């Protein structure tokens, strides 16, 4: 399965919608989509995972790096709507809390987790 990435822009916010599988074969596509969004310098970058069925550790590293880049540009970065399987992987990896905060201080995004 391939990775599909699309970006929706609205009022200073960019939502990157992901679908399919994010793994070593699609890592460059993921990196480009996220860092292109951050490079536009929006006030907020949202990564919507509702269509993502698989994520690997390299993809998680890209999410963390994109979050760091967004915060350096004073933009919020938040991951939303993970599927059950992706939620499980993010939780096991120990990155769920970091990726679902809108600010370094810990204000939650209200991401509506799938269970």
PDB file of N, CA and C in Angstrom:
ATOM      1  N   UNK A   1       0.846  -1.185   0.000  1.00  0.00           N
ATOM      2  CA  UNK A   1       0.000   0.000   0.000  1.00  0.00           C
ATOM      3  C   UNK A   1       0.883   1.237   0.000  1.00  0.00           C
ATOM      4  N   UNK A   2       0.453   2.258  -0.638  1.00  0.00           N
ATOM      5  CA  UNK A   2       1.178   3.516  -0.746  1.00  0.00           C
ATOM      6  C   UNK A   2       0.750   4.490   0.346  1.00  0.00           C
ATOM      7  N   UNK A   3       1.457   5.593   0.433  1.00  0.00           N
ATOM      8  CA  UNK A   3       1.104   6.680   1.340  1.00  0.00           C
ATOM      9  C   UNK A   3       0.534   7.821   0.514  1.00  0.00           C
ATOM     10  N   UNK A   4      -0.612   8.320   0.919  1.00  0.00           N
ATOM     11  CA  UNK A   4      -1.215   9.497   0.293  1.00  0.00           C
ATOM     12  C   UNK A   4      -1.129  10.650   1.277  1.00  0.00           C
ATOM     13  N   UNK A   5      -0.650  11.783   0.810  1.00  0.00           N
ATOM     14  CA  UNK A   5      -0.532  12.983   1.633  1.00  0.00           C
ATOM     15  C   UNK A   5      -1.225  14.130   0.912  1.00  0.00           C
ATOM     16  N   UNK A   6      -2.049  14.846   1.645  1.00  0.00           N
ATOM     17  CA  UNK A   6      -2.654  16.047   1.081  1.00  0.00           C
ATOM     18  C   UNK A   6      -2.633  17.131   2.147  1.00  0.00           C
ATOM     19  N   UNK A   7      -2.616  18.373   1.698  1.00  0.00           N
ATOM     20  CA  UNK A   7      -2.576  19.498   2.627  1.00  0.00           C
ATOM     21  C   UNK A   7      -3.786  20.383   2.405  1.00  0.00           C
ATOM     22  N   UNK A   8      -4.413  20.759   3.520  1.00  0.00           N
ATOM     23  CA  UNK A   8      -5.558  21.660   3.490  1.00  0.00           C
ATOM     24  C   UNK A   8      -5.165  22.905   4.274  1.00  0.00           C
ATOM     25  N   UNK A   9      -5.308  24.073   3.661  1.00  0.00           N
ATOM     26  CA  UNK A   9      -4.931  25.332   4.294  1.00  0.00           C
ATOM     27  C   UNK A   9      -6.169  26.127   4.669  1.00  0.00           C
ATOM     28  N   UNK A  10      -6.145  26.676   5.904  1.00  0.00           N
ATOM     29  CA  UNK A  10      -7.277  27.463   6.365  1.00  0.00           C
ATOM     30  C   UNK A  10      -6.852  28.355   7.523  1.00  0.00           C
ATOM     31  N   UNK A  11      -7.009  29.651   7.367  1.00  0.00           N
ATOM     32  CA  UNK A  11      -6.795  30.617   8.445  1.00  0.00           C
ATOM     33  C   UNK A  11      -5.496  30.406   9.221  1.00  0.00           C
ATOM     34  N   UNK A  12      -4.381  30.336   8.523  1.00  0.00           N
ATOM     35  CA  UNK A  12      -3.094  30.209   9.195  1.00  0.00           C
ATOM     36  C   UNK A  12      -2.778  28.814   9.687  1.00  0.00           C
ATOM     37  N   UNK A  13      -3.595  27.850   9.344  1.00  0.00           N
ATOM     38  CA  UNK A  13      -3.393  26.469   9.765  1.00  0.00           C
ATOM     39  C   UNK A  13      -3.261  25.588   8.530  1.00  0.00           C
ATOM     40  N   UNK A  14      -2.347  24.647   8.602  1.00  0.00           N
ATOM     41  CA  UNK A  14      -2.217  23.647   7.546  1.00  0.00           C
ATOM     42  C   UNK A  14      -2.495  22.281   8.163  1.00  0.00           C
ATOM     43  N   UNK A  15      -3.429  21.566   7.574  1.00  0.00           N
ATOM     44  CA  UNK A  15      -3.704  20.198   7.994  1.00  0.00           C
ATOM     45  C   UNK A  15      -3.148  19.264   6.926  1.00  0.00           C
ATOM     46  N   UNK A  16      -2.235  18.405   7.343  1.00  0.00           N
ATOM     47  CA  UNK A  16      -1.669  17.394   6.460  1.00  0.00           C
ATOM     48  C   UNK A  16      -2.427  16.097   6.748  1.00  0.00           C
ATOM     49  N   UNK A  17      -3.139  15.619   5.746  1.00  0.00           N
ATOM     50  CA  UNK A  17      -3.949  14.412   5.894  1.00  0.00           C
ATOM     51  C   UNK A  17      -3.173  13.252   5.297  1.00  0.00           C
ATOM     52  N   UNK A  18      -2.987  12.202   6.108  1.00  0.00           N
ATOM     53  CA  UNK A  18      -2.236  11.027   5.678  1.00  0.00           C
ATOM     54  C   UNK A  18      -3.163   9.830   5.553  1.00  0.00           C
ATOM     55  N   UNK A  19      -2.898   9.000   4.548  1.00  0.00           N
ATOM     56  CA  UNK A  19      -3.666   7.772   4.359  1.00  0.00           C
ATOM     57  C   UNK A  19      -2.745   6.704   3.790  1.00  0.00           C
ATOM     58  N   UNK A  20      -2.992   5.474   4.175  1.00  0.00           N
ATOM     59  CA  UNK A  20      -2.202   4.355   3.678  1.00  0.00           C
ATOM     60  C   UNK A  20      -1.192   3.908   4.707  1.00  0.00           C
ATOM     61  N   UNK A  21       0.023   3.597   4.235  1.00  0.00           N
ATOM     62  CA  UNK A  21       1.077   3.098   5.107  1.00  0.00           C
ATOM     63  C   UNK A  21       2.283   4.032   5.069  1.00  0.00           C
ATOM     64  N   UNK A  22       2.812   4.334   6.242  1.00  0.00           N
ATOM     65  CA  UNK A  22       4.009   5.159   6.340  1.00  0.00           C
ATOM     66  C   UNK A  22       5.138   4.268   6.845  1.00  0.00           C
ATOM     67  N   UNK A  23       6.075   3.982   5.949  1.00  0.00           N
ATOM     68  CA  UNK A  23       7.190   3.101   6.280  1.00  0.00           C
ATOM     69  C   UNK A  23       8.427   3.540   5.511  1.00  0.00           C
ATOM     70  N   UNK A  24       9.462   2.707   5.526  1.00  0.00           N
ATOM     71  CA  UNK A  24      10.717   3.068   4.878  1.00  0.00           C
ATOM     72  C   UNK A  24      10.530   3.406   3.401  1.00  0.00           C
ATOM     73  N   UNK A  25       9.623   2.735   2.736  1.00  0.00           N
ATOM     74  CA  UNK A  25       9.395   2.969   1.305  1.00  0.00           C
ATOM     75  C   UNK A  25       8.764   4.330   1.029  1.00  0.00           C
ATOM     76  N   UNK A  26       8.081   4.901   2.017  1.00  0.00           N
ATOM     77  CA  UNK A  26       7.371   6.168   1.808  1.00  0.00           C
ATOM     78  C   UNK A  26       7.896   7.300   2.689  1.00  0.00           C
ATOM     79  N   UNK A  27       9.022   7.072   3.367  1.00  0.00           N
ATOM     80  CA  UNK A  27       9.524   8.037   4.338  1.00  0.00           C
ATOM     81  C   UNK A  27       9.831   9.400   3.710  1.00  0.00           C
ATOM     82  N   UNK A  28      10.384   9.415   2.503  1.00  0.00           N
ATOM     83  CA  UNK A  28      10.693  10.697   1.857  1.00  0.00           C
ATOM     84  C   UNK A  28       9.431  11.487   1.559  1.00  0.00           C
ATOM     85  N   UNK A  29       8.393  10.801   1.148  1.00  0.00           N
ATOM     86  CA  UNK A  29       7.108  11.454   0.866  1.00  0.00           C
ATOM     87  C   UNK A  29       6.537  12.074   2.140  1.00  0.00           C
ATOM     88  N   UNK A  30       6.608  11.340   3.253  1.00  0.00           N
ATOM     89  CA  UNK A  30       6.133  11.861   4.536  1.00  0.00           C
ATOM     90  C   UNK A  30       6.950  13.072   4.954  1.00  0.00           C
ATOM     91  N   UNK A  31       8.269  12.946   4.888  1.00  0.00           N
ATOM     92  CA  UNK A  31       9.156  14.045   5.283  1.00  0.00           C
ATOM     93  C   UNK A  31       8.866  15.294   4.451  1.00  0.00           C
ATOM     94  N   UNK A  32       8.738  15.123   3.137  1.00  0.00           N
ATOM     95  CA  UNK A  32       8.462  16.267   2.267  1.00  0.00           C
ATOM     96  C   UNK A  32       7.134  16.931   2.620  1.00  0.00           C
ATOM     97  N   UNK A  33       6.097  16.130   2.833  1.00  0.00           N
ATOM     98  CA  UNK A  33       4.774  16.688   3.143  1.00  0.00           C
ATOM     99  C   UNK A  33       4.802  17.486   4.444  1.00  0.00           C
ATOM    100  N   UNK A  34       5.434  16.933   5.475  1.00  0.00           N
ATOM    101  CA  UNK A  34       5.451  17.613   6.777  1.00  0.00           C
ATOM    102  C   UNK A  34       6.342  18.848   6.774  1.00  0.00           C
ATOM    103  N   UNK A  35       7.541  18.723   6.212  1.00  0.00           N
ATOM    104  CA  UNK A  35       8.454  19.857   6.234  1.00  0.00           C
ATOM    105  C   UNK A  35       8.039  20.949   5.255  1.00  0.00           C
ATOM    106  N   UNK A  36       7.364  20.589   4.171  1.00  0.00           N
ATOM    107  CA  UNK A  36       6.802  21.609   3.286  1.00  0.00           C
ATOM    108  C   UNK A  36       5.738  22.415   4.020  1.00  0.00           C
ATOM    109  N   UNK A  37       4.920  21.729   4.811  1.00  0.00           N
ATOM    110  CA  UNK A  37       3.887  22.421   5.591  1.00  0.00           C
ATOM    111  C   UNK A  37       4.529  23.364   6.604  1.00  0.00           C
ATOM    112  N   UNK A  38       5.530  22.884   7.319  1.00  0.00           N
ATOM    113  CA  UNK A  38       6.212  23.714   8.313  1.00  0.00           C
ATOM    114  C   UNK A  38       6.888  24.910   7.645  1.00  0.00           C
ATOM    115  N   UNK A  39       7.463  24.703   6.462  1.00  0.00           N
ATOM    116  CA  UNK A  39       8.178  25.767   5.755  1.00  0.00           C
ATOM    117  C   UNK A  39       7.272  26.926   5.366  1.00  0.00           C
ATOM    118  N   UNK A  40       5.981  26.674   5.262  1.00  0.00           N
ATOM    119  CA  UNK A  40       5.036  27.753   4.948  1.00  0.00           C
ATOM    120  C   UNK A  40       4.801  28.674   6.144  1.00  0.00           C
ATOM    121  N   UNK A  41       5.314  28.283   7.289  1.00  0.00           N
ATOM    122  CA  UNK A  41       5.219  29.054   8.530  1.00  0.00           C
ATOM    123  C   UNK A  41       3.779  29.376   8.956  1.00  0.00           C
ATOM    124  N   UNK A  42       2.937  28.364   9.013  1.00  0.00           N
ATOM    125  CA  UNK A  42       1.591  28.599   9.532  1.00  0.00           C
ATOM    126  C   UNK A  42       1.663  28.752  11.052  1.00  0.00           C
ATOM    127  N   UNK A  43       0.598  29.187  11.648  1.00  0.00           N
ATOM    128  CA  UNK A  43       0.572  29.264  13.108  1.00  0.00           C
ATOM    129  C   UNK A  43       0.349  27.879  13.722  1.00  0.00           C
ATOM    130  N   UNK A  44      -0.207  26.966  12.923  1.00  0.00           N
ATOM    131  CA  UNK A  44      -0.493  25.621  13.433  1.00  0.00           C
ATOM    132  C   UNK A  44      -0.399  24.602  12.297  1.00  0.00           C
ATOM    133  N   UNK A  45       0.256  23.475  12.599  1.00  0.00           N
ATOM    134  CA  UNK A  45       0.306  22.343  11.678  1.00  0.00           C
ATOM    135  C   UNK A  45      -0.415  21.183  12.363  1.00  0.00           C
ATOM    136  N   UNK A  46      -1.424  20.661  11.693  1.00  0.00           N
ATOM    137  CA  UNK A  46      -2.174  19.512  12.198  1.00  0.00           C
ATOM    138  C   UNK A  46      -1.883  18.343  11.265  1.00  0.00           C
ATOM    139  N   UNK A  47      -1.533  17.209  11.839  1.00  0.00           N
ATOM    140  CA  UNK A  47      -1.301  16.000  11.052  1.00  0.00           C
ATOM    141  C   UNK A  47      -2.441  15.044  11.365  1.00  0.00           C
ATOM    142  N   UNK A  48      -3.326  14.855  10.395  1.00  0.00           N
ATOM    143  CA  UNK A  48      -4.521  14.030  10.562  1.00  0.00           C
ATOM    144  C   UNK A  48      -4.213  12.613  10.099  1.00  0.00           C
ATOM    145  N   UNK A  49      -4.250  11.674  11.042  1.00  0.00           N
ATOM    146  CA  UNK A  49      -3.871  10.290  10.776  1.00  0.00           C
ATOM    147  C   UNK A  49      -5.058   9.363  10.541  1.00  0.00           C
ATOM    148  N   UNK A  50      -6.245   9.886  10.357  1.00  0.00           N
ATOM    149  CA  UNK A  50      -7.441   9.038  10.277  1.00  0.00           C
ATOM    150  C   UNK A  50      -7.383   7.980   9.183  1.00  0.00           C
ATOM    151  N   UNK A  51      -6.611   8.202   8.134  1.00  0.00           N
ATOM    152  CA  UNK A  51      -6.522   7.224   7.054  1.00  0.00           C
ATOM    153  C   UNK A  51      -5.250   6.395   7.074  1.00  0.00           C
ATOM    154  N   UNK A  52      -4.411   6.614   8.081  1.00  0.00           N
ATOM    155  CA  UNK A  52      -3.144   5.892   8.159  1.00  0.00           C
ATOM    156  C   UNK A  52      -3.375   4.535   8.819  1.00  0.00           C
ATOM    157  N   UNK A  53      -2.983   3.463   8.150  1.00  0.00           N
ATOM    158  CA  UNK A  53      -3.213   2.116   8.692  1.00  0.00           C
ATOM    159  C   UNK A  53      -1.950   1.501   9.277  1.00  0.00           C
ATOM    160  N   UNK A  54      -0.775   2.090   8.971  1.00  0.00           N
ATOM    161  CA  UNK A  54       0.481   1.563   9.495  1.00  0.00           C
ATOM    162  C   UNK A  54       1.477   2.703   9.613  1.00  0.00           C
ATOM    163  N   UNK A  55       2.263   2.672  10.696  1.00  0.00           N
ATOM    164  CA  UNK A  55       3.351   3.633  10.878  1.00  0.00           C
ATOM    165  C   UNK A  55       4.521   2.893  11.501  1.00  0.00           C
ATOM    166  N   UNK A  56       5.734   3.175  10.998  1.00  0.00           N
ATOM    167  CA  UNK A  56       6.914   2.531  11.560  1.00  0.00           C
ATOM    168  C   UNK A  56       7.731   3.525  12.374  1.00  0.00           C
ATOM    169  N   UNK A  57       8.819   3.044  12.964  1.00  0.00           N
ATOM    170  CA  UNK A  57       9.627   3.893  13.845  1.00  0.00           C
ATOM    171  C   UNK A  57      10.293   5.042  13.089  1.00  0.00           C
ATOM    172  N   UNK A  58      10.692   4.832  11.839  1.00  0.00           N
ATOM    173  CA  UNK A  58      11.290   5.912  11.067  1.00  0.00           C
ATOM    174  C   UNK A  58      10.276   7.038  10.828  1.00  0.00           C
ATOM    175  N   UNK A  59       9.043   6.667  10.587  1.00  0.00           N
ATOM    176  CA  UNK A  59       7.986   7.659  10.378  1.00  0.00           C
ATOM    177  C   UNK A  59       7.715   8.436  11.665  1.00  0.00           C
ATOM    178  N   UNK A  60       7.777   7.748  12.782  1.00  0.00           N
ATOM    179  CA  UNK A  60       7.607   8.430  14.065  1.00  0.00           C
ATOM    180  C   UNK A  60       8.732   9.437  14.266  1.00  0.00           C
ATOM    181  N   UNK A  61       9.947   9.065  13.890  1.00  0.00           N
ATOM    182  CA  UNK A  61      11.081   9.993  13.990  1.00  0.00           C
ATOM    183  C   UNK A  61      10.851  11.237  13.133  1.00  0.00           C
ATOM    184  N   UNK A  62      10.268  11.056  11.960  1.00  0.00           N
ATOM    185  CA  UNK A  62       9.971  12.198  11.090  1.00  0.00           C
ATOM    186  C   UNK A  62       8.909  13.089  11.738  1.00  0.00           C
ATOM    187  N   UNK A  63       7.895  12.500  12.342  1.00  0.00           N
ATOM    188  CA  UNK A  63       6.884  13.295  13.049  1.00  0.00           C
ATOM    189  C   UNK A  63       7.525  14.133  14.155  1.00  0.00           C
ATOM    190  N   UNK A  64       8.408  13.525  14.927  1.00  0.00           N
ATOM    191  CA  UNK A  64       9.076  14.238  16.024  1.00  0.00           C
ATOM    192  C   UNK A  64       9.947  15.365  15.464  1.00  0.00           C
ATOM    193  N   UNK A  65      10.692  15.091  14.395  1.00  0.00           N
ATOM    194  CA  UNK A  65      11.548  16.115  13.793  1.00  0.00           C
ATOM    195  C   UNK A  65      10.717  17.268  13.222  1.00  0.00           C
ATOM    196  N   UNK A  66       9.595  16.952  12.596  1.00  0.00           N
ATOM    197  CA  UNK A  66       8.726  18.002  12.050  1.00  0.00           C
ATOM    198  C   UNK A  66       8.128  18.828  13.178  1.00  0.00           C
ATOM    199  N   UNK A  67       7.770  18.183  14.268  1.00  0.00           N
ATOM    200  CA  UNK A  67       7.247  18.919  15.426  1.00  0.00           C
ATOM    201  C   UNK A  67       8.303  19.889  15.957  1.00  0.00           C
ATOM    202  N   UNK A  68       9.524  19.403  16.068  1.00  0.00           N
ATOM    203  CA  UNK A  68      10.618  20.253  16.551  1.00  0.00           C
ATOM    204  C   UNK A  68      10.801  21.459  15.617  1.00  0.00           C
ATOM    205  N   UNK A  69      10.786  21.220  14.313  1.00  0.00           N
ATOM    206  CA  UNK A  69      10.943  22.312  13.342  1.00  0.00           C
ATOM    207  C   UNK A  69       9.801  23.314  13.453  1.00  0.00           C
ATOM    208  N   UNK A  70       8.579  22.820  13.622  1.00  0.00           N
ATOM    209  CA  UNK A  70       7.426  23.716  13.758  1.00  0.00           C
ATOM    210  C   UNK A  70       7.561  24.584  15.008  1.00  0.00           C
ATOM    211  N   UNK A  71       7.947  23.968  16.112  1.00  0.00           N
ATOM    212  CA  UNK A  71       8.093  24.728  17.351  1.00  0.00           C
ATOM    213  C   UNK A  71       9.198  25.769  17.235  1.00  0.00           C
ATOM    214  N   UNK A  72      10.253  25.463  16.487  1.00  0.00           N
ATOM    215  CA  UNK A  72      11.317  26.448  16.265  1.00  0.00           C
ATOM    216  C   UNK A  72      10.789  27.659  15.498  1.00  0.00           C
ATOM    217  N   UNK A  73       9.763  27.456  14.683  1.00  0.00           N
ATOM    218  CA  UNK A  73       9.127  28.550  13.937  1.00  0.00           C
ATOM    219  C   UNK A  73       7.928  29.111  14.690  1.00  0.00           C
ATOM    220  N   UNK A  74       7.809  28.739  15.967  1.00  0.00           N
ATOM    221  CA  UNK A  74       6.733  29.201  16.843  1.00  0.00           C
ATOM    222  C   UNK A  74       5.355  28.798  16.339  1.00  0.00           C
ATOM    223  N   UNK A  75       5.288  27.629  15.718  1.00  0.00           N
ATOM    224  CA  UNK A  75       4.009  27.089  15.257  1.00  0.00           C
ATOM    225  C   UNK A  75       3.631  25.904  16.141  1.00  0.00           C
ATOM    226  N   UNK A  76       2.358  25.761  16.390  1.00  0.00           N
ATOM    227  CA  UNK A  76       1.881  24.575  17.081  1.00  0.00           C
ATOM    228  C   UNK A  76       1.966  23.403  16.117  1.00  0.00           C
ATOM    229  N   UNK A  77       2.156  22.212  16.646  1.00  0.00           N
ATOM    230  CA  UNK A  77       2.209  20.997  15.838  1.00  0.00           C
ATOM    231  C   UNK A  77       1.473  19.925  16.619  1.00  0.00           C
ATOM    232  N   UNK A  78       0.456  19.360  16.007  1.00  0.00           N
ATOM    233  CA  UNK A  78      -0.332  18.363  16.723  1.00  0.00           C
ATOM    234  C   UNK A  78      -0.772  17.261  15.769  1.00  0.00           C
ATOM    235  N   UNK A  79      -0.748  16.046  16.281  1.00  0.00           N
ATOM    236  CA  UNK A  79      -1.208  14.872  15.546  1.00  0.00           C
ATOM    237  C   UNK A  79      -2.609  14.540  16.040  1.00  0.00           C
ATOM    238  N   UNK A  80      -3.523  14.273  15.105  1.00  0.00           N
ATOM    239  CA  UNK A  80      -4.910  13.988  15.476  1.00  0.00           C
ATOM    240  C   UNK A  80      -5.414  12.708  14.810  1.00  0.00           C
ATOM    241  N   UNK A  81      -6.476  12.185  15.355  1.00  0.00           N
ATOM    242  CA  UNK A  81      -7.275  11.101  14.779  1.00  0.00           C
ATOM    243  C   UNK A  81      -6.515   9.849  14.372  1.00  0.00           C
ATOM    244  N   UNK A  82      -5.630   9.336  15.222  1.00  0.00           N
ATOM    245  CA  UNK A  82      -4.963   8.097  14.834  1.00  0.00           C
ATOM    246  C   UNK A  82      -5.944   6.926  14.826  1.00  0.00           C
ATOM    247  N   UNK A  83      -5.742   6.028  13.888  1.00  0.00           N
ATOM    248  CA  UNK A  83      -6.528   4.795  13.884  1.00  0.00           C
ATOM    249  C   UNK A  83      -6.102   3.956  15.087  1.00  0.00           C
ATOM    250  N   UNK A  84      -6.857   2.935  15.370  1.00  0.00           N
ATOM    251  CA  UNK A  84      -6.563   2.078  16.525  1.00  0.00           C
ATOM    252  C   UNK A  84      -5.129   1.539  16.463  1.00  0.00           C
ATOM    253  N   UNK A  85      -4.728   1.015  15.314  1.00  0.00           N
ATOM    254  CA  UNK A  85      -3.386   0.434  15.178  1.00  0.00           C
ATOM    255  C   UNK A  85      -2.305   1.495  15.335  1.00  0.00           C
ATOM    256  N   UNK A  86      -2.470   2.643  14.707  1.00  0.00           N
ATOM    257  CA  UNK A  86      -1.476   3.710  14.802  1.00  0.00           C
ATOM    258  C   UNK A  86      -1.425   4.254  16.228  1.00  0.00           C
ATOM    259  N   UNK A  87      -2.567   4.387  16.871  1.00  0.00           N
ATOM    260  CA  UNK A  87      -2.616   4.818  18.265  1.00  0.00           C
ATOM    261  C   UNK A  87      -1.810   3.877  19.143  1.00  0.00           C
ATOM    262  N   UNK A  88      -1.962   2.586  18.912  1.00  0.00           N
ATOM    263  CA  UNK A  88      -1.229   1.586  19.686  1.00  0.00           C
ATOM    264  C   UNK A  88       0.279   1.751  19.507  1.00  0.00           C
ATOM    265  N   UNK A  89       0.729   1.936  18.280  1.00  0.00           N
ATOM    266  CA  UNK A  89       2.161   2.095  18.000  1.00  0.00           C
ATOM    267  C   UNK A  89       2.697   3.374  18.649  1.00  0.00           C
ATOM    268  N   UNK A  90       1.974   4.477  18.520  1.00  0.00           N
ATOM    269  CA  UNK A  90       2.412   5.741  19.117  1.00  0.00           C
ATOM    270  C   UNK A  90       2.476   5.641  20.638  1.00  0.00           C
ATOM    271  N   UNK A  91       1.539   4.921  21.215  1.00  0.00           N
ATOM    272  CA  UNK A  91       1.514   4.730  22.667  1.00  0.00           C
ATOM    273  C   UNK A  91       2.691   3.875  23.113  1.00  0.00           C
ATOM    274  N   UNK A  92       2.921   2.763  22.435  1.00  0.00           N
ATOM    275  CA  UNK A  92       4.035   1.881  22.776  1.00  0.00           C
ATOM    276  C   UNK A  92       5.369   2.600  22.612  1.00  0.00           C
ATOM    277  N   UNK A  93       5.479   3.421  21.580  1.00  0.00           N
ATOM    278  CA  UNK A  93       6.709   4.175  21.345  1.00  0.00           C
ATOM    279  C   UNK A  93       6.924   5.274  22.383  1.00  0.00           C
ATOM    280  N   UNK A  94       5.880   5.598  23.138  1.00  0.00           N
ATOM    281  CA  UNK A  94       6.002   6.608  24.174  1.00  0.00           C
ATOM    282  C   UNK A  94       5.985   8.045  23.668  1.00  0.00           C
ATOM    283  N   UNK A  95       5.419   8.264  22.478  1.00  0.00           N
ATOM    284  CA  UNK A  95       5.426   9.611  21.892  1.00  0.00           C
ATOM    285  C   UNK A  95       4.042  10.239  21.800  1.00  0.00           C
ATOM    286  N   UNK A  96       3.017   9.529  22.198  1.00  0.00           N
ATOM    287  CA  UNK A  96       1.651  10.020  22.032  1.00  0.00           C
ATOM    288  C   UNK A  96       1.442  11.364  22.719  1.00  0.00           C
ATOM    289  N   UNK A  97       1.858  11.483  23.965  1.00  0.00           N
ATOM    290  CA  UNK A  97       1.656  12.744  24.697  1.00  0.00           C
ATOM    291  C   UNK A  97       2.368  13.911  24.021  1.00  0.00           C
ATOM    292  N   UNK A  98       3.589  13.697  23.576  1.00  0.00           N
ATOM    293  CA  UNK A  98       4.356  14.762  22.930  1.00  0.00           C
ATOM    294  C   UNK A  98       3.692  15.190  21.622  1.00  0.00           C
ATOM    295  N   UNK A  99       3.233  14.229  20.847  1.00  0.00           N
ATOM    296  CA  UNK A  99       2.661  14.541  19.539  1.00  0.00           C
ATOM    297  C   UNK A  99       1.239  15.088  19.602  1.00  0.00           C
ATOM    298  N   UNK A 100       0.573  14.962  20.731  1.00  0.00           N
ATOM    299  CA  UNK A 100      -0.795  15.464  20.823  1.00  0.00           C
ATOM    300  C   UNK A 100      -0.897  16.737  21.647  1.00  0.00           C
ATOM    301  N   UNK A 101       0.240  17.289  22.085  1.00  0.00           N
ATOM    302  CA  UNK A 101       0.231  18.584  22.769  1.00  0.00           C
ATOM    303  C   UNK A 101       0.242  19.690  21.727  1.00  0.00           C
ATOM    304  N   UNK A 102      -0.489  20.736  21.999  1.00  0.00           N
ATOM    305  CA  UNK A 102      -0.451  21.872  21.084  1.00  0.00           C
ATOM    306  C   UNK A 102       0.651  22.848  21.472  1.00  0.00           C
ATOM    307  N   UNK A 103       1.075  22.819  22.714  1.00  0.00           N
ATOM    308  CA  UNK A 103       2.123  23.717  23.190  1.00  0.00           C
ATOM    309  C   UNK A 103       3.074  22.923  24.062  1.00  0.00           C
ATOM    310  N   UNK A 104       4.329  23.378  24.179  1.00  0.00           N
ATOM    311  CA  UNK A 104       5.267  22.697  25.051  1.00  0.00           C
ATOM    312  C   UNK A 104       4.776  22.611  26.485  1.00  0.00           C
ATOM    313  N   UNK A 105       3.934  23.541  26.917  1.00  0.00           N
ATOM    314  CA  UNK A 105       3.407  23.528  28.274  1.00  0.00           C
ATOM    315  C   UNK A 105       2.389  22.451  28.532  1.00  0.00           C
ATOM    316  N   UNK A 106       1.857  21.812  27.492  1.00  0.00           N
ATOM    317  CA  UNK A 106       1.004  20.667  27.683  1.00  0.00           C
ATOM    318  C   UNK A 106      -0.476  20.879  27.445  1.00  0.00           C
ATOM    319  N   UNK A 107      -0.907  21.978  26.832  1.00  0.00           N
ATOM    320  CA  UNK A 107      -2.314  22.160  26.547  1.00  0.00           C
ATOM    321  C   UNK A 107      -2.743  21.108  25.534  1.00  0.00           C
ATOM    322  N   UNK A 108      -3.707  20.301  25.872  1.00  0.00           N
ATOM    323  CA  UNK A 108      -4.141  19.201  25.008  1.00  0.00           C
ATOM    324  C   UNK A 108      -4.955  19.701  23.825  1.00  0.00           C
ATOM    325  N   UNK A 109      -4.914  18.943  22.759  1.00  0.00           N
ATOM    326  CA  UNK A 109      -5.582  19.348  21.530  1.00  0.00           C
ATOM    327  C   UNK A 109      -7.018  18.892  21.431  1.00  0.00           C
ATOM    328  N   UNK A 110      -7.429  17.969  22.278  1.00  0.00           N
ATOM    329  CA  UNK A 110      -8.780  17.420  22.141  1.00  0.00           C
ATOM    330  C   UNK A 110      -8.887  16.622  20.861  1.00  0.00           C
ATOM    331  N   UNK A 111      -7.981  15.663  20.675  1.00  0.00           N
ATOM    332  CA  UNK A 111      -7.818  15.034  19.381  1.00  0.00           C
ATOM    333  C   UNK A 111      -8.831  13.970  19.038  1.00  0.00           C
ATOM    334  N   UNK A 112      -9.709  13.580  19.912  1.00  0.00           N
ATOM    335  CA  UNK A 112     -10.717  12.595  19.566  1.00  0.00           C
ATOM    336  C   UNK A 112     -10.101  11.258  19.169  1.00  0.00           C
ATOM    337  N   UNK A 113      -9.404  10.629  20.106  1.00  0.00           N
ATOM    338  CA  UNK A 113      -8.724   9.384  19.824  1.00  0.00           C
ATOM    339  C   UNK A 113      -9.688   8.275  19.464  1.00  0.00           C
ATOM    340  N   UNK A 114      -9.283   7.475  18.505  1.00  0.00           N
ATOM    341  CA  UNK A 114     -10.046   6.268  18.177  1.00  0.00           C
ATOM    342  C   UNK A 114      -9.704   5.223  19.217  1.00  0.00           C
ATOM    343  N   UNK A 115     -10.675   4.419  19.594  1.00  0.00           N
ATOM    344  CA  UNK A 115     -10.395   3.385  20.592  1.00  0.00           C
ATOM    345  C   UNK A 115     -10.581   2.013  20.013  1.00  0.00           C
TER     346      UNK A 115
END
